[in-house]
Amino acid sequence: KPLQGLQKPVQLLAMRKGAGSMGGWRYEVCPEGAAALERLGARRVAVASVCGLRRTGKSMLLDALQNPERSVGTQDNTAGL
């Protein structure tokens, strides 16, 4: 039975470009994801992680999981490693 408010996937982490001379990439916890995990308590969760070479469909797959009603496009607006 789905938990109230979690009928779709929730992003847990986001990559951000750091500032300044030491500004590499870093991961940040998404507030929505942290709140969703807190609401789950001790329930089991499934986490999906997608890795692969550039331009191989990772973002398309994750977009399809997060927004199944939205059509998949070819817009390149991701920040990969």
N, C-alpha and C. Protein backbone atom coordinates (compact mmCIF):
# COMPACT_ATOMS: atom_id res chain seq x y z
N LYS A 1 0.85 -1.18 0.00
CA LYS A 1 0.00 0.00 0.00
C LYS A 1 0.89 1.24 0.00
N PRO A 2 0.73 2.16 -0.97
CA PRO A 2 1.58 3.34 -1.02
C PRO A 2 1.34 4.27 0.16
N LEU A 3 2.38 4.89 0.61
CA LEU A 3 2.27 5.87 1.69
C LEU A 3 1.64 7.14 1.14
N GLN A 4 0.80 7.76 1.91
CA GLN A 4 0.14 8.99 1.47
C GLN A 4 1.18 10.01 1.01
N GLY A 5 1.02 10.54 -0.20
CA GLY A 5 1.93 11.54 -0.72
C GLY A 5 3.13 10.96 -1.46
N LEU A 6 3.25 9.64 -1.56
CA LEU A 6 4.38 9.04 -2.26
C LEU A 6 3.90 8.12 -3.37
N GLN A 7 3.03 8.59 -4.22
CA GLN A 7 2.54 7.78 -5.31
C GLN A 7 3.49 7.80 -6.51
N LYS A 8 4.55 8.56 -6.44
CA LYS A 8 5.52 8.64 -7.53
C LYS A 8 6.92 8.66 -6.94
N PRO A 9 7.94 8.40 -7.77
CA PRO A 9 9.32 8.44 -7.27
C PRO A 9 9.69 9.83 -6.75
N VAL A 10 10.61 9.85 -5.81
CA VAL A 10 11.07 11.10 -5.20
C VAL A 10 12.58 11.16 -5.31
N GLN A 11 13.11 12.29 -5.73
CA GLN A 11 14.56 12.45 -5.84
C GLN A 11 15.16 12.64 -4.45
N LEU A 12 16.19 11.83 -4.14
CA LEU A 12 16.85 11.91 -2.83
C LEU A 12 18.09 12.78 -2.85
N LEU A 13 18.86 12.72 -3.93
CA LEU A 13 20.11 13.48 -4.03
C LEU A 13 20.14 14.30 -5.30
N ALA A 14 20.85 15.42 -5.26
CA ALA A 14 21.07 16.26 -6.43
C ALA A 14 22.54 16.61 -6.50
N MET A 15 23.06 16.75 -7.70
CA MET A 15 24.45 17.18 -7.88
C MET A 15 24.47 18.68 -8.07
N ARG A 16 25.38 19.35 -7.39
CA ARG A 16 25.52 20.80 -7.51
C ARG A 16 26.98 21.14 -7.78
N LYS A 17 27.18 22.12 -8.63
CA LYS A 17 28.53 22.61 -8.90
C LYS A 17 28.91 23.55 -7.78
N GLY A 18 30.05 23.31 -7.16
CA GLY A 18 30.52 24.15 -6.06
C GLY A 18 30.97 25.52 -6.55
N ALA A 19 31.10 26.43 -5.64
CA ALA A 19 31.52 27.80 -5.97
C ALA A 19 32.98 28.00 -5.58
N GLY A 20 33.60 29.02 -6.14
CA GLY A 20 34.96 29.36 -5.77
C GLY A 20 35.99 28.53 -6.51
N SER A 21 37.25 28.69 -6.09
CA SER A 21 38.35 28.02 -6.77
C SER A 21 38.35 26.52 -6.53
N MET A 22 37.75 26.05 -5.45
CA MET A 22 37.68 24.63 -5.14
C MET A 22 36.33 24.05 -5.55
N GLY A 23 35.66 24.71 -6.45
CA GLY A 23 34.28 24.34 -6.80
C GLY A 23 34.14 23.11 -7.66
N GLY A 24 34.24 21.96 -7.08
CA GLY A 24 33.96 20.72 -7.80
C GLY A 24 32.49 20.38 -7.66
N TRP A 25 32.13 19.20 -8.10
CA TRP A 25 30.75 18.73 -7.96
C TRP A 25 30.55 18.17 -6.56
N ARG A 26 29.35 18.35 -6.03
CA ARG A 26 29.02 17.77 -4.73
C ARG A 26 27.57 17.31 -4.75
N TYR A 27 27.27 16.37 -3.88
CA TYR A 27 25.90 15.88 -3.75
C TYR A 27 25.22 16.60 -2.60
N GLU A 28 23.95 16.92 -2.80
CA GLU A 28 23.14 17.53 -1.75
C GLU A 28 21.87 16.71 -1.58
N VAL A 29 21.40 16.61 -0.35
CA VAL A 29 20.14 15.91 -0.07
C VAL A 29 19.00 16.84 -0.47
N CYS A 30 18.07 16.32 -1.25
CA CYS A 30 16.90 17.10 -1.66
C CYS A 30 15.91 17.16 -0.48
N PRO A 31 15.43 18.34 -0.13
CA PRO A 31 14.50 18.46 1.00
C PRO A 31 13.26 17.59 0.85
N GLU A 32 12.71 17.49 -0.36
CA GLU A 32 11.52 16.67 -0.59
C GLU A 32 11.82 15.19 -0.31
N GLY A 33 12.99 14.75 -0.75
CA GLY A 33 13.39 13.37 -0.52
C GLY A 33 13.62 13.06 0.94
N ALA A 34 14.27 13.99 1.64
CA ALA A 34 14.52 13.80 3.07
C ALA A 34 13.21 13.73 3.85
N ALA A 35 12.27 14.60 3.51
CA ALA A 35 10.97 14.61 4.19
C ALA A 35 10.21 13.31 3.92
N ALA A 36 10.30 12.81 2.68
CA ALA A 36 9.62 11.56 2.33
C ALA A 36 10.19 10.40 3.13
N LEU A 37 11.51 10.33 3.26
CA LEU A 37 12.14 9.26 4.03
C LEU A 37 11.75 9.34 5.51
N GLU A 38 11.68 10.55 6.04
CA GLU A 38 11.27 10.72 7.44
C GLU A 38 9.85 10.19 7.66
N ARG A 39 8.96 10.46 6.71
CA ARG A 39 7.57 10.00 6.83
C ARG A 39 7.47 8.48 6.76
N LEU A 40 8.42 7.85 6.07
CA LEU A 40 8.39 6.40 5.94
C LEU A 40 8.75 5.67 7.23
N GLY A 41 9.51 6.31 8.08
CA GLY A 41 9.91 5.66 9.32
C GLY A 41 10.73 4.41 9.06
N ALA A 42 10.30 3.28 9.59
CA ALA A 42 11.05 2.03 9.47
C ALA A 42 10.59 1.19 8.28
N ARG A 43 9.74 1.73 7.42
CA ARG A 43 9.28 0.97 6.25
C ARG A 43 10.42 0.72 5.28
N ARG A 44 10.27 -0.34 4.48
CA ARG A 44 11.25 -0.65 3.45
C ARG A 44 11.08 0.29 2.26
N VAL A 45 12.19 0.63 1.62
CA VAL A 45 12.16 1.47 0.42
C VAL A 45 13.02 0.82 -0.66
N ALA A 46 12.76 1.19 -1.89
CA ALA A 46 13.58 0.76 -3.02
C ALA A 46 14.24 2.00 -3.61
N VAL A 47 15.52 1.92 -3.89
CA VAL A 47 16.28 3.04 -4.45
C VAL A 47 16.79 2.63 -5.82
N ALA A 48 16.57 3.49 -6.81
CA ALA A 48 17.07 3.25 -8.16
C ALA A 48 18.19 4.23 -8.46
N SER A 49 19.29 3.73 -8.94
CA SER A 49 20.42 4.55 -9.34
C SER A 49 20.78 4.16 -10.77
N VAL A 50 21.04 5.15 -11.60
CA VAL A 50 21.33 4.88 -13.00
C VAL A 50 22.70 5.47 -13.34
N CYS A 51 23.58 4.64 -13.88
CA CYS A 51 24.93 5.06 -14.29
C CYS A 51 25.15 4.65 -15.73
N GLY A 52 26.01 5.39 -16.40
CA GLY A 52 26.34 5.01 -17.77
C GLY A 52 27.09 6.10 -18.49
N LEU A 53 27.51 5.79 -19.69
CA LEU A 53 28.23 6.75 -20.50
C LEU A 53 27.33 7.89 -20.94
N ARG A 54 27.94 8.97 -21.36
CA ARG A 54 27.22 10.16 -21.82
C ARG A 54 26.33 9.81 -23.00
N ARG A 55 25.12 10.39 -22.99
CA ARG A 55 24.16 10.27 -24.10
C ARG A 55 23.68 8.84 -24.33
N THR A 56 23.46 8.08 -23.24
CA THR A 56 22.99 6.71 -23.40
C THR A 56 21.59 6.48 -22.82
N GLY A 57 20.87 7.56 -22.45
CA GLY A 57 19.48 7.42 -22.04
C GLY A 57 19.22 7.40 -20.54
N LYS A 58 20.20 7.74 -19.72
CA LYS A 58 20.00 7.73 -18.26
C LYS A 58 18.92 8.71 -17.84
N SER A 59 19.01 9.93 -18.31
CA SER A 59 18.03 10.95 -17.95
C SER A 59 16.65 10.62 -18.50
N MET A 60 16.60 10.06 -19.69
CA MET A 60 15.33 9.68 -20.28
C MET A 60 14.63 8.63 -19.40
N LEU A 61 15.40 7.65 -18.92
CA LEU A 61 14.84 6.62 -18.07
C LEU A 61 14.33 7.20 -16.75
N LEU A 62 15.14 8.03 -16.11
CA LEU A 62 14.72 8.62 -14.84
C LEU A 62 13.53 9.57 -15.02
N ASP A 63 13.53 10.34 -16.11
CA ASP A 63 12.37 11.21 -16.38
C ASP A 63 11.11 10.38 -16.57
N ALA A 64 11.23 9.26 -17.27
CA ALA A 64 10.06 8.40 -17.49
C ALA A 64 9.56 7.81 -16.18
N LEU A 65 10.46 7.50 -15.26
CA LEU A 65 10.05 6.98 -13.95
C LEU A 65 9.38 8.05 -13.11
N GLN A 66 9.91 9.27 -13.16
CA GLN A 66 9.37 10.34 -12.33
C GLN A 66 8.12 10.98 -12.93
N ASN A 67 8.02 11.03 -14.24
CA ASN A 67 6.90 11.71 -14.90
C ASN A 67 6.32 10.82 -15.99
N PRO A 68 5.65 9.73 -15.63
CA PRO A 68 5.17 8.80 -16.66
C PRO A 68 4.14 9.41 -17.61
N GLU A 69 3.44 10.46 -17.21
CA GLU A 69 2.44 11.06 -18.10
C GLU A 69 3.06 12.05 -19.08
N ARG A 70 4.30 12.46 -18.86
CA ARG A 70 4.96 13.42 -19.74
C ARG A 70 5.66 12.70 -20.88
N SER A 71 5.60 13.28 -22.07
CA SER A 71 6.28 12.66 -23.21
C SER A 71 7.78 12.88 -23.08
N VAL A 72 8.54 11.92 -23.53
CA VAL A 72 9.99 11.98 -23.43
C VAL A 72 10.53 12.77 -24.62
N GLY A 73 11.38 13.76 -24.33
CA GLY A 73 11.95 14.59 -25.38
C GLY A 73 13.44 14.35 -25.54
N THR A 74 14.08 15.20 -26.32
CA THR A 74 15.51 15.06 -26.56
C THR A 74 16.29 16.22 -25.99
N GLN A 75 15.69 16.96 -25.09
CA GLN A 75 16.34 18.13 -24.51
C GLN A 75 17.51 17.68 -23.62
N ASP A 76 18.69 18.28 -23.82
CA ASP A 76 19.87 17.94 -23.05
C ASP A 76 20.10 19.02 -21.99
N ASN A 77 19.53 18.82 -20.82
CA ASN A 77 19.67 19.84 -19.77
C ASN A 77 20.14 19.22 -18.46
N THR A 78 20.93 18.17 -18.54
CA THR A 78 21.41 17.52 -17.33
C THR A 78 22.85 17.88 -17.06
N ALA A 79 23.26 17.69 -15.83
CA ALA A 79 24.64 17.95 -15.44
C ALA A 79 25.27 16.63 -15.02
N GLY A 80 25.91 15.98 -15.95
CA GLY A 80 26.52 14.69 -15.64
C GLY A 80 27.90 14.85 -15.04
N LEU A 81 28.43 13.76 -14.56
CA LEU A 81 29.78 13.78 -13.99
C LEU A 81 30.81 13.74 -15.08
